[in-house]
Amino acid sequence: MEETLIEQYIKENGEFIAIPVGTSMYPMLRNRRDSVYLVRYDGQGLEKYDLPVYKRTNGQQVMHRCLGKDENGYIMCGDNQWTLEHGIKDEQIIAVAKGFYRDEKYIPNENKWYQLYYKLWAKNLFIRKCILRVIHKINPRQKIMENYKNI
């Protein structure tokens, strides 16, 4: 599979700032408004709650949160989703987020409020599903994305 320009840039420079497209990582990342500081994946394995950019077997690049690992690979899920994606391998991972920018304010992974958010939000998919359905009823324009989006 051919490398994308983002893959080539990260390989050469080690880092990249991306503007996510899509709503799969909402509310953390707002579509085309926030940006993410990405660094080259070192191949040492992902930790639970890491936010990698990975390439699916169809070539699509995706940014979803790592919720764990099983015998088939990593388990991923967007923050605005509840459907798990299994079987993501180390060789599919391009980069990992070290933080993000919200309205020009940088929020690193070590930020305690951000850590509280992702740990609580990732903890229980059933509660997430209920909350997202309520949000969708209140604000139909904020579509709940069950299909995956490109970054």
Protein backbone atom coordinates (compact mmCIF):
# COMPACT_ATOMS: atom_id res chain seq x y z
CA MET A 1 0.00 0.00 0.00
CA GLU A 2 1.30 3.41 -0.97
CA GLU A 3 2.31 5.90 1.71
CA THR A 4 0.28 9.07 2.06
CA LEU A 5 1.82 12.53 2.26
CA ILE A 6 1.13 12.63 6.01
CA GLU A 7 2.96 9.32 6.49
CA GLN A 8 5.92 10.55 4.46
CA TYR A 9 6.04 13.85 6.35
CA ILE A 10 5.92 12.18 9.78
CA LYS A 11 8.60 9.69 8.74
CA GLU A 12 10.90 12.49 7.62
CA ASN A 13 10.15 15.08 10.33
CA GLY A 14 8.91 13.06 13.30
CA GLU A 15 5.93 15.26 14.03
CA PHE A 16 2.89 16.83 12.42
CA ILE A 17 -0.04 19.05 13.39
CA ALA A 18 -3.29 17.80 11.89
CA ILE A 19 -6.77 19.26 11.71
CA PRO A 20 -9.23 16.39 12.17
CA VAL A 21 -12.08 16.03 9.70
CA GLY A 22 -15.18 14.25 10.94
CA THR A 23 -17.04 13.88 14.20
CA SER A 24 -15.86 10.49 15.46
CA MET A 25 -13.66 12.11 18.16
CA TYR A 26 -16.22 14.72 19.27
CA PRO A 27 -16.51 16.20 21.91
CA MET A 28 -12.74 16.16 22.42
CA LEU A 29 -11.94 17.17 18.85
CA ARG A 30 -14.27 19.44 16.96
CA ASN A 31 -14.54 18.91 13.21
CA ARG A 32 -12.13 21.24 11.35
CA ARG A 33 -11.79 23.52 14.42
CA ASP A 34 -9.26 21.89 16.71
CA SER A 35 -5.84 20.54 15.83
CA VAL A 36 -3.79 17.62 17.09
CA TYR A 37 -0.05 17.44 17.75
CA LEU A 38 1.11 14.07 16.38
CA VAL A 39 4.47 12.37 16.74
CA ARG A 40 5.90 9.41 14.85
CA TYR A 41 4.88 6.06 16.36
CA ASP A 42 7.95 4.40 17.88
CA GLY A 43 6.62 0.83 17.63
CA GLN A 44 6.89 0.24 21.38
CA GLY A 45 3.17 -0.45 21.75
CA LEU A 46 0.20 1.70 22.59
CA GLU A 47 -1.10 2.36 26.08
CA LYS A 48 -4.77 2.34 26.97
CA TYR A 49 -6.30 5.75 26.11
CA ASP A 50 -3.58 6.67 23.58
CA LEU A 51 -4.90 8.45 20.51
CA PRO A 52 -3.18 7.01 17.44
CA VAL A 53 -3.58 7.68 13.75
CA TYR A 54 -3.69 4.35 11.97
CA LYS A 55 -4.26 3.06 8.48
CA ARG A 56 -6.98 0.54 7.85
CA THR A 57 -6.44 -2.29 5.39
CA ASN A 58 -8.48 -0.31 2.83
CA GLY A 59 -5.99 2.60 3.11
CA GLN A 60 -8.28 4.88 5.13
CA GLN A 61 -6.50 6.86 7.85
CA VAL A 62 -8.35 7.09 11.15
CA MET A 63 -7.79 8.64 14.57
CA HIS A 64 -9.53 6.75 17.37
CA ARG A 65 -8.78 6.09 21.01
CA CYS A 66 -7.07 2.86 22.07
CA LEU A 67 -9.28 1.07 24.61
CA GLY A 68 -7.10 -1.98 25.06
CA LYS A 69 -5.54 -4.94 23.34
CA ASP A 70 -6.45 -8.58 22.78
CA GLU A 71 -4.88 -11.50 20.91
CA ASN A 72 -5.89 -9.94 17.56
CA GLY A 73 -4.41 -6.50 18.16
CA TYR A 74 -5.55 -3.16 19.52
CA ILE A 75 -9.17 -2.28 20.23
CA MET A 76 -10.14 1.21 19.04
CA CYS A 77 -13.19 3.42 19.33
CA GLY A 78 -13.92 7.05 18.52
CA ASP A 79 -15.11 9.19 21.43
CA ASN A 80 -18.36 9.87 19.56
CA GLN A 81 -18.96 6.16 18.90
CA TRP A 82 -19.67 2.99 20.79
CA THR A 83 -18.80 0.38 18.18
CA LEU A 84 -15.40 -1.18 18.87
CA GLU A 85 -12.88 -1.83 16.12
CA HIS A 86 -10.70 -4.86 16.78
CA GLY A 87 -7.50 -6.15 15.23
CA ILE A 88 -5.44 -3.01 14.66
CA LYS A 89 -1.76 -4.02 14.41
CA ASP A 90 1.39 -2.07 15.28
CA GLU A 91 2.38 -1.87 11.61
CA GLN A 92 -0.86 0.02 10.85
CA ILE A 93 -0.08 2.81 13.33
CA ILE A 94 1.40 5.96 11.82
CA ALA A 95 1.50 8.46 14.68
CA VAL A 96 0.25 9.12 18.20
CA ALA A 97 -1.24 12.33 19.59
CA LYS A 98 0.77 14.05 22.32
CA GLY A 99 -1.86 16.73 22.84
CA PHE A 100 -4.29 18.97 21.02
CA TYR A 101 -5.10 22.62 20.48
CA ARG A 102 -8.51 23.99 21.40
CA ASP A 103 -9.00 27.66 20.50
CA GLU A 104 -5.21 28.19 20.42
CA LYS A 105 -4.75 26.67 23.90
CA TYR A 106 -2.52 23.60 23.95
CA ILE A 107 -3.78 20.70 26.07
CA PRO A 108 -1.12 18.00 26.58
CA ASN A 109 -1.95 14.37 27.31
CA GLU A 110 -0.70 14.96 30.87
CA ASN A 111 -3.42 17.55 31.59
CA LYS A 112 -5.40 16.26 34.58
CA TRP A 113 -8.79 17.45 33.27
CA TYR A 114 -8.15 15.79 29.91
CA GLN A 115 -7.11 12.56 31.68
CA LEU A 116 -10.28 12.63 33.77
CA TYR A 117 -12.36 13.13 30.60
CA TYR A 118 -10.92 10.24 28.62
CA LYS A 119 -10.84 7.80 31.52
CA LEU A 120 -14.46 8.44 32.45
CA TRP A 121 -15.64 8.58 28.84
CA ALA A 122 -13.85 5.38 27.81
CA LYS A 123 -14.84 3.48 30.95
CA ASN A 124 -18.35 2.37 29.98
CA LEU A 125 -19.59 2.15 26.41
CA PHE A 126 -23.20 1.55 27.50
CA ILE A 127 -23.32 4.87 29.37
CA ARG A 128 -21.58 6.56 26.42
CA LYS A 129 -24.19 5.14 24.04
CA CYS A 130 -27.02 6.48 26.23
CA ILE A 131 -25.43 9.93 26.54
CA LEU A 132 -24.75 10.17 22.81
CA ARG A 133 -28.33 9.18 21.97
CA VAL A 134 -29.65 11.93 24.27
CA ILE A 135 -27.28 14.47 22.68
CA HIS A 136 -28.47 13.39 19.24
CA LYS A 137 -32.13 13.84 20.25
CA ILE A 138 -31.43 17.31 21.68
CA ASN A 139 -29.22 18.40 18.79
CA PRO A 140 -29.96 16.41 15.61
CA ARG A 141 -27.24 18.35 13.75
CA GLN A 142 -24.63 16.63 15.94
CA LYS A 143 -24.89 13.28 14.20
CA ILE A 144 -23.73 10.23 16.08
CA MET A 145 -21.20 8.60 13.80
CA GLU A 146 -21.49 4.84 13.79
CA ASN A 147 -19.43 4.73 10.62
CA TYR A 148 -15.81 5.71 10.79
CA LYS A 149 -14.44 8.96 9.40
CA ASN A 150 -11.06 9.96 7.99
CA ILE A 151 -8.94 12.41 9.86
